[in-house]
C-alpha atoms as a PDB file:
ATOM      1  CA  MET A   1     127.924 126.503  92.555  1.00  0.00           C
ATOM      2  CA  SER A   2     126.622 126.319  96.134  1.00  0.00           C
ATOM      3  CA  THR A   3     126.988 122.491  95.982  1.00  0.00           C
ATOM      4  CA  LEU A   4     130.494 122.796  94.674  1.00  0.00           C
ATOM      5  CA  ILE A   5     131.497 125.185  97.508  1.00  0.00           C
ATOM      6  CA  ALA A   6     129.842 122.917 100.105  1.00  0.00           C
ATOM      7  CA  ASP A   7     131.704 119.880  98.828  1.00  0.00           C
ATOM      8  CA  THR A   8     135.015 121.778  98.972  1.00  0.00           C
ATOM      9  CA  GLN A   9     134.297 122.990 102.454  1.00  0.00           C
ATOM     10  CA  GLN A  10     133.446 119.432 103.497  1.00  0.00           C
ATOM     11  CA  THR A  11     136.801 118.165 102.049  1.00  0.00           C
ATOM     12  CA  LEU A  12     138.744 120.893 103.893  1.00  0.00           C
ATOM     13  CA  THR A  13     136.923 120.119 107.159  1.00  0.00           C
ATOM     14  CA  ARG A  14     137.644 116.391 106.776  1.00  0.00           C
ATOM     15  CA  ILE A  15     141.349 117.147 106.152  1.00  0.00           C
ATOM     16  CA  ALA A  16     141.442 119.227 109.320  1.00  0.00           C
ATOM     17  CA  GLN A  17     139.742 116.530 111.343  1.00  0.00           C
ATOM     18  CA  GLU A  18     141.486 113.426 110.022  1.00  0.00           C
ATOM     19  CA  PHE A  19     144.881 114.507 108.706  1.00  0.00           C
ATOM     20  CA  THR A  20     146.269 116.969 111.239  1.00  0.00           C
ATOM     21  CA  PRO A  21     148.808 118.402 110.863  1.00  0.00           C
ATOM     22  CA  ALA A  22     148.063 119.416 107.278  1.00  0.00           C
ATOM     23  CA  VAL A  23     149.333 122.361 105.195  1.00  0.00           C
ATOM     24  CA  PHE A  24     148.167 124.237 102.142  1.00  0.00           C
ATOM     25  CA  ALA A  25     150.789 125.107  99.442  1.00  0.00           C
ATOM     26  CA  SER A  26     149.639 128.468  98.017  1.00  0.00           C
ATOM     27  CA  SER A  27     151.070 130.077  94.848  1.00  0.00           C
ATOM     28  CA  LEU A  28     149.007 133.115  95.759  1.00  0.00           C
ATOM     29  CA  ALA A  29     147.090 132.839  92.437  1.00  0.00           C
ATOM     30  CA  ALA A  30     143.285 132.827  91.950  1.00  0.00           C
ATOM     31  CA  GLU A  31     142.605 129.151  92.842  1.00  0.00           C
ATOM     32  CA  ASP A  32     144.770 129.377  95.889  1.00  0.00           C
ATOM     33  CA  MET A  33     142.946 132.455  97.102  1.00  0.00           C
ATOM     34  CA  VAL A  34     139.624 130.530  96.987  1.00  0.00           C
ATOM     35  CA  LEU A  35     141.158 127.903  99.297  1.00  0.00           C
ATOM     36  CA  THR A  36     142.795 130.570 101.496  1.00  0.00           C
ATOM     37  CA  ASP A  37     139.383 132.220 101.958  1.00  0.00           C
ATOM     38  CA  LEU A  38     137.641 128.970 102.772  1.00  0.00           C
ATOM     39  CA  ILE A  39     140.351 127.848 105.197  1.00  0.00           C
ATOM     40  CA  LEU A  40     140.705 131.127 107.068  1.00  0.00           C
ATOM     41  CA  LYS A  41     137.011 132.010 107.248  1.00  0.00           C
ATOM     42  CA  ALA A  42     136.295 128.582 108.786  1.00  0.00           C
ATOM     43  CA  ARG A  43     139.340 128.983 111.068  1.00  0.00           C
ATOM     44  CA  LEU A  44     140.480 125.516 110.142  1.00  0.00           C
ATOM     45  CA  PRO A  45     143.763 124.318 111.691  1.00  0.00           C
ATOM     46  CA  ILE A  46     145.494 124.105 108.337  1.00  0.00           C
ATOM     47  CA  GLY A  47     148.773 126.015 107.902  1.00  0.00           C
ATOM     48  CA  ILE A  48     149.286 128.021 104.710  1.00  0.00           C
ATOM     49  CA  PHE A  49     152.707 128.464 103.130  1.00  0.00           C
ATOM     50  CA  SER A  50     154.191 129.742  99.886  1.00  0.00           C
ATOM     51  CA  LEU A  51     157.410 129.145  98.044  1.00  0.00           C
ATOM     52  CA  GLU A  52     159.387 132.410  97.667  1.00  0.00           C
ATOM     53  CA  THR A  53     161.615 131.385  94.756  1.00  0.00           C
ATOM     54  CA  GLY A  54     163.513 134.652  94.473  1.00  0.00           C
ATOM     55  CA  ARG A  55     162.157 135.198  90.956  1.00  0.00           C
ATOM     56  CA  LEU A  56     158.505 136.079  91.665  1.00  0.00           C
ATOM     57  CA  HIS A  57     156.607 139.072  90.253  1.00  0.00           C
ATOM     58  CA  LYS A  58     156.241 142.075  92.539  1.00  0.00           C
ATOM     59  CA  GLU A  59     152.452 141.641  92.177  1.00  0.00           C
ATOM     60  CA  THR A  60     152.739 138.131  93.546  1.00  0.00           C
ATOM     61  CA  LEU A  61     154.795 139.229  96.502  1.00  0.00           C
ATOM     62  CA  ALA A  62     152.251 141.990  97.155  1.00  0.00           C
ATOM     63  CA  MET A  63     149.690 139.282  97.792  1.00  0.00           C
ATOM     64  CA  LEU A  64     151.432 138.446 101.066  1.00  0.00           C
ATOM     65  CA  ASP A  65     150.533 141.873 102.424  1.00  0.00           C
ATOM     66  CA  LYS A  66     147.043 141.709 100.950  1.00  0.00           C
ATOM     67  CA  VAL A  67     146.373 138.421 102.772  1.00  0.00           C
ATOM     68  CA  LYS A  68     147.711 139.780 106.027  1.00  0.00           C
ATOM     69  CA  GLU A  69     145.611 142.983 105.722  1.00  0.00           C
ATOM     70  CA  HIS A  70     142.403 141.195 104.680  1.00  0.00           C
ATOM     71  CA  TYR A  71     142.558 138.138 106.985  1.00  0.00           C
ATOM     72  CA  GLY A  72     145.077 139.064 109.649  1.00  0.00           C
ATOM     73  CA  TYR A  73     147.062 135.993 108.635  1.00  0.00           C
ATOM     74  CA  GLU A  74     150.739 135.787 107.772  1.00  0.00           C
ATOM     75  CA  ILE A  75     151.589 133.161 105.160  1.00  0.00           C
ATOM     76  CA  ALA A  76     154.739 131.241 105.921  1.00  0.00           C
ATOM     77  CA  LEU A  77     157.547 131.499 103.353  1.00  0.00           C
ATOM     78  CA  PHE A  78     160.026 128.837 102.303  1.00  0.00           C
ATOM     79  CA  ARG A  79     162.999 129.904 100.274  1.00  0.00           C
ATOM     80  CA  PRO A  80     165.631 127.966  98.257  1.00  0.00           C
ATOM     81  CA  GLN A  81     169.050 127.226  99.678  1.00  0.00           C
ATOM     82  CA  THR A  82     171.336 130.154  98.837  1.00  0.00           C
ATOM     83  CA  ASP A  83     174.335 127.933  98.120  1.00  0.00           C
ATOM     84  CA  ALA A  84     172.323 125.868  95.620  1.00  0.00           C
ATOM     85  CA  VAL A  85     171.020 128.900  93.765  1.00  0.00           C
ATOM     86  CA  ASP A  86     174.547 130.458  93.658  1.00  0.00           C
ATOM     87  CA  ALA A  87     176.066 127.225  92.362  1.00  0.00           C
ATOM     88  CA  TYR A  88     173.463 126.887  89.616  1.00  0.00           C
ATOM     89  CA  VAL A  89     173.895 130.467  88.452  1.00  0.00           C
ATOM     90  CA  ALA A  90     177.650 130.281  88.608  1.00  0.00           C
ATOM     91  CA  GLN A  91     177.793 127.099  86.514  1.00  0.00           C
ATOM     92  CA  ASN A  92     174.935 127.725  84.097  1.00  0.00           C
ATOM     93  CA  GLY A  93     174.023 131.405  84.150  1.00  0.00           C
ATOM     94  CA  LEU A  94     171.057 133.243  85.682  1.00  0.00           C
ATOM     95  CA  ASN A  95     168.615 132.340  82.949  1.00  0.00           C
ATOM     96  CA  ALA A  96     169.843 128.850  81.923  1.00  0.00           C
ATOM     97  CA  PHE A  97     166.304 127.551  82.234  1.00  0.00           C
ATOM     98  CA  TYR A  98     165.659 128.847  78.720  1.00  0.00           C
ATOM     99  CA  ASP A  99     168.367 126.522  77.282  1.00  0.00           C
ATOM    100  CA  SER A 100     166.700 123.120  77.842  1.00  0.00           C
ATOM    101  CA  ILE A 101     163.959 121.340  79.740  1.00  0.00           C
ATOM    102  CA  GLU A 102     166.644 119.746  81.890  1.00  0.00           C
ATOM    103  CA  MET A 103     168.034 123.124  82.915  1.00  0.00           C
ATOM    104  CA  ARG A 104     164.601 124.537  83.561  1.00  0.00           C
ATOM    105  CA  ARG A 105     163.609 121.584  85.742  1.00  0.00           C
ATOM    106  CA  GLU A 106     166.880 121.813  87.696  1.00  0.00           C
ATOM    107  CA  CYS A 107     166.127 125.462  88.405  1.00  0.00           C
ATOM    108  CA  CYS A 108     162.621 124.519  89.545  1.00  0.00           C
ATOM    109  CA  ARG A 109     164.080 121.727  91.636  1.00  0.00           C
ATOM    110  CA  ILE A 110     166.345 124.168  93.501  1.00  0.00           C
ATOM    111  CA  ARG A 111     163.874 126.994  93.822  1.00  0.00           C
ATOM    112  CA  LYS A 112     160.654 125.044  94.366  1.00  0.00           C
ATOM    113  CA  VAL A 113     160.959 121.266  94.887  1.00  0.00           C
ATOM    114  CA  GLU A 114     163.588 121.295  97.611  1.00  0.00           C
ATOM    115  CA  PRO A 115     161.865 124.020  99.635  1.00  0.00           C
ATOM    116  CA  LEU A 116     158.568 122.182  99.239  1.00  0.00           C
ATOM    117  CA  SER A 117     160.074 119.138 100.869  1.00  0.00           C
ATOM    118  CA  ARG A 118     161.061 121.238 103.869  1.00  0.00           C
ATOM    119  CA  ALA A 119     157.605 122.829 104.028  1.00  0.00           C
ATOM    120  CA  LEU A 120     155.876 119.441 103.993  1.00  0.00           C
ATOM    121  CA  ALA A 121     158.123 117.744 106.540  1.00  0.00           C
ATOM    122  CA  GLY A 122     156.257 116.537 109.605  1.00  0.00           C
ATOM    123  CA  ASN A 123     152.793 116.817 108.090  1.00  0.00           C
ATOM    124  CA  LYS A 124     150.217 114.114 107.323  1.00  0.00           C
ATOM    125  CA  ALA A 125     148.707 115.826 104.259  1.00  0.00           C
ATOM    126  CA  TRP A 126     149.135 118.683 101.912  1.00  0.00           C
ATOM    127  CA  ILE A 127     146.652 120.676  99.838  1.00  0.00           C
ATOM    128  CA  THR A 128     147.022 122.268  96.391  1.00  0.00           C
ATOM    129  CA  GLY A 129     144.873 124.500  94.201  1.00  0.00           C
ATOM    130  CA  GLN A 130     145.218 122.366  91.105  1.00  0.00           C
ATOM    131  CA  ARG A 131     142.256 121.894  88.758  1.00  0.00           C
ATOM    132  CA  ARG A 132     141.706 119.313  86.016  1.00  0.00           C
ATOM    133  CA  ALA A 133     140.814 121.961  83.446  1.00  0.00           C
ATOM    134  CA  GLN A 134     144.123 123.793  83.849  1.00  0.00           C
ATOM    135  CA  SER A 135     146.159 121.630  81.453  1.00  0.00           C
ATOM    136  CA  THR A 136     146.563 118.257  79.746  1.00  0.00           C
ATOM    137  CA  THR A 137     148.982 117.177  82.454  1.00  0.00           C
ATOM    138  CA  ARG A 138     146.226 117.536  85.053  1.00  0.00           C
ATOM    139  CA  SER A 139     143.254 115.990  83.203  1.00  0.00           C
ATOM    140  CA  GLU A 140     143.078 112.934  85.496  1.00  0.00           C
ATOM    141  CA  LEU A 141     143.556 114.846  88.706  1.00  0.00           C
ATOM    142  CA  ALA A 142     141.732 113.377  91.762  1.00  0.00           C
ATOM    143  CA  VAL A 143     140.496 115.266  94.800  1.00  0.00           C
ATOM    144  CA  GLN A 144     142.448 112.884  97.064  1.00  0.00           C
ATOM    145  CA  GLU A 145     145.705 111.159  96.149  1.00  0.00           C
ATOM    146  CA  ASP A 146     148.328 109.033  97.763  1.00  0.00           C
ATOM    147  CA  ASP A 147     151.625 110.928  97.529  1.00  0.00           C
ATOM    148  CA  ALA A 148     154.087 108.200  98.274  1.00  0.00           C
ATOM    149  CA  ALA A 149     157.009 110.400  97.315  1.00  0.00           C
ATOM    150  CA  HIS A 150     156.383 112.578 100.361  1.00  0.00           C
ATOM    151  CA  GLY A 151     154.870 109.905 102.477  1.00  0.00           C
ATOM    152  CA  MET A 152     151.530 111.616 102.952  1.00  0.00           C
ATOM    153  CA  VAL A 153     148.117 112.184 101.454  1.00  0.00           C
ATOM    154  CA  LYS A 154     147.661 114.973  98.856  1.00  0.00           C
ATOM    155  CA  PHE A 155     144.425 116.845  98.295  1.00  0.00           C
ATOM    156  CA  ASN A 156     143.250 118.894  95.352  1.00  0.00           C
ATOM    157  CA  PRO A 157     139.894 120.236  96.638  1.00  0.00           C
ATOM    158  CA  LEU A 158     139.294 122.380  93.547  1.00  0.00           C
ATOM    159  CA  ALA A 159     139.832 119.506  91.047  1.00  0.00           C
ATOM    160  CA  ASP A 160     136.243 119.778  89.790  1.00  0.00           C
ATOM    161  CA  TRP A 161     136.109 123.567  89.605  1.00  0.00           C
ATOM    162  CA  SER A 162     136.145 125.495  86.341  1.00  0.00           C
ATOM    163  CA  GLU A 163     137.979 128.798  85.878  1.00  0.00           C
ATOM    164  CA  GLN A 164     134.613 130.628  85.733  1.00  0.00           C
ATOM    165  CA  GLU A 165     133.587 129.102  89.030  1.00  0.00           C
ATOM    166  CA  VAL A 166     136.844 130.175  90.654  1.00  0.00           C
ATOM    167  CA  TRP A 167     136.269 133.751  89.539  1.00  0.00           C
ATOM    168  CA  ASP A 168     132.590 133.757  90.499  1.00  0.00           C
ATOM    169  CA  TYR A 169     133.664 132.767  94.000  1.00  0.00           C
ATOM    170  CA  LEU A 170     136.364 135.436  94.281  1.00  0.00           C
ATOM    171  CA  ARG A 171     134.134 138.228  93.097  1.00  0.00           C
ATOM    172  CA  SER A 172     131.037 137.271  95.088  1.00  0.00           C
ATOM    173  CA  ASN A 173     133.052 136.936  98.244  1.00  0.00           C
ATOM    174  CA  GLY A 174     135.346 140.019  97.816  1.00  0.00           C
ATOM    175  CA  VAL A 175     138.481 137.872  97.900  1.00  0.00           C
ATOM    176  CA  PRO A 176     141.725 139.730  97.112  1.00  0.00           C
ATOM    177  CA  TYR A 177     143.609 138.387  94.091  1.00  0.00           C
ATOM    178  CA  ASN A 178     146.824 138.905  92.199  1.00  0.00           C
ATOM    179  CA  ALA A 179     146.745 142.000  89.965  1.00  0.00           C
ATOM    180  CA  LEU A 180     148.473 140.060  87.160  1.00  0.00           C
ATOM    181  CA  HIS A 181     145.205 138.228  86.509  1.00  0.00           C
ATOM    182  CA  ASP A 182     143.762 141.460  85.205  1.00  0.00           C
ATOM    183  CA  GLN A 183     146.758 141.773  82.801  1.00  0.00           C
ATOM    184  CA  GLY A 184     146.173 138.452  81.009  1.00  0.00           C
ATOM    185  CA  TYR A 185     147.943 136.045  83.376  1.00  0.00           C
ATOM    186  CA  PRO A 186     145.595 133.183  84.222  1.00  0.00           C
ATOM    187  CA  SER A 187     148.453 131.035  85.542  1.00  0.00           C
ATOM    188  CA  ILE A 188     151.333 132.681  87.443  1.00  0.00           C
ATOM    189  CA  GLY A 189     154.770 131.374  88.298  1.00  0.00           C
ATOM    190  CA  CYS A 190     158.233 132.932  88.368  1.00  0.00           C
ATOM    191  CA  GLU A 191     158.535 136.195  86.467  1.00  0.00           C
ATOM    192  CA  PRO A 192     160.929 135.059  83.698  1.00  0.00           C
ATOM    193  CA  CYS A 193     158.953 131.895  83.061  1.00  0.00           C
ATOM    194  CA  THR A 194     155.493 133.446  82.852  1.00  0.00           C
ATOM    195  CA  ARG A 195     153.882 135.590  80.160  1.00  0.00           C
ATOM    196  CA  ALA A 196     150.403 136.883  79.495  1.00  0.00           C
ATOM    197  CA  VAL A 197     148.164 134.742  77.227  1.00  0.00           C
ATOM    198  CA  GLN A 198     146.074 135.727  74.237  1.00  0.00           C
ATOM    199  CA  PRO A 199     142.289 135.185  74.030  1.00  0.00           C
ATOM    200  CA  GLY A 200     141.562 131.577  73.266  1.00  0.00           C
ATOM    201  CA  GLU A 201     144.893 130.208  74.475  1.00  0.00           C
ATOM    202  CA  ASP A 202     145.142 127.490  77.082  1.00  0.00           C
ATOM    203  CA  VAL A 203     145.164 128.876  80.667  1.00  0.00           C
ATOM    204  CA  ARG A 204     148.723 127.592  81.143  1.00  0.00           C
ATOM    205  CA  ALA A 205     150.017 128.686  77.749  1.00  0.00           C
ATOM    206  CA  GLY A 206     151.934 131.468  79.431  1.00  0.00           C
ATOM    207  CA  ARG A 207     153.907 129.059  81.643  1.00  0.00           C
ATOM    208  CA  TRP A 208     157.245 127.939  80.138  1.00  0.00           C
ATOM    209  CA  TRP A 209     155.782 128.969  76.762  1.00  0.00           C
ATOM    210  CA  TRP A 210     158.905 127.830  74.882  1.00  0.00           C
ATOM    211  CA  GLU A 211     158.223 124.202  75.852  1.00  0.00           C
ATOM    212  CA  ASN A 212     155.693 121.555  74.646  1.00  0.00           C
ATOM    213  CA  PRO A 213     152.422 121.397  76.599  1.00  0.00           C
ATOM    214  CA  ASP A 214     153.196 117.915  77.950  1.00  0.00           C
ATOM    215  CA  SER A 215     156.292 119.094  79.757  1.00  0.00           C
ATOM    216  CA  LYS A 216     154.800 122.069  81.563  1.00  0.00           C
ATOM    217  CA  GLU A 217     155.132 121.023  85.198  1.00  0.00           C
ATOM    218  CA  CYS A 218     157.706 122.523  87.529  1.00  0.00           C
ATOM    219  CA  GLY A 219     158.368 119.287  89.414  1.00  0.00           C
ATOM    220  CA  LEU A 220     156.290 119.941  92.550  1.00  0.00           C
ATOM    221  CA  HIS A 221     153.896 117.303  91.415  1.00  0.00           C
ATOM    222  CA  MET A 222     156.481 114.981  89.720  1.00  0.00           C
ATOM    223  CA  VAL A 223     158.992 112.320  90.708  1.00  0.00           C
ATOM    224  CA  ASP A 224     161.516 110.916  88.252  1.00  0.00           C
ATOM    225  CA  GLY A 225     159.877 112.812  85.455  1.00  0.00           C
ATOM    226  CA  LYS A 226     156.390 111.406  86.170  1.00  0.00           C
ATOM    227  CA  LEU A 227     153.459 113.144  87.772  1.00  0.00           C
ATOM    228  CA  ILE A 228     152.909 112.083  91.391  1.00  0.00           C
ATOM    229  CA  ARG A 229     149.581 110.391  90.665  1.00  0.00           C
ATOM    230  CA  ILE A 230     150.681 106.932  91.664  1.00  0.00           C
ATOM    231  CA  LYS A 231     147.443 106.052  93.393  1.00  0.00           C
ATOM    232  CA  SER A 232     144.132 107.918  93.746  1.00  0.00           C
ATOM    233  CA  VAL A 233     142.304 107.430  97.007  1.00  0.00           C
ATOM    234  CA  ALA A 234     138.524 107.463  97.176  1.00  0.00           C
ATOM    235  CA  ALA A 235     137.258 110.371  99.182  1.00  0.00           C
END
């Protein structure tokens, strides 16, 4: 575990030294709190932001205050364009994402993908809390990738971490975490698209549970329906 933490710290330090300006996209879930803790404790010049989709759980939003209280740091928020949200709802209904994968991905595009593009603008690299073990769509995840779609380098410093290692870190370091994790939510997204999982289920089984496992990505890591894993870069 100590080697894993040291490797992750080394990756974050290298990002800060070689890819400034860089930003970390936090969903405020367990993995992202590990990275938040490592970044802020080391006082690395890496900005942290979150996408406030307008459909998040109250427990997720409460994490913003928890981070501010614990670290004295205010996470930047990026929200969807109001006109785009209003047009989607007017044309399709508030919960049209249940109707088809296309409708769900369009909702994700408006509420997540477009705000992400604004959040990443002007940066050389961005960081995520993705792990290989999270789902079949992430099994080939690399620590460092070439994100040609956004014209920058993308890092997944926790790619090698297991869920147990994430929780061992959080508990041993007293890191605040989303209360939903104690209610059976290992993976947390928007409230209407996330449910608790049963023992033995995949960690992302509660995300868009009405879809097939191979479609369970919101689009933040996809372009033209394909995961943005065009080219892995050796660390």
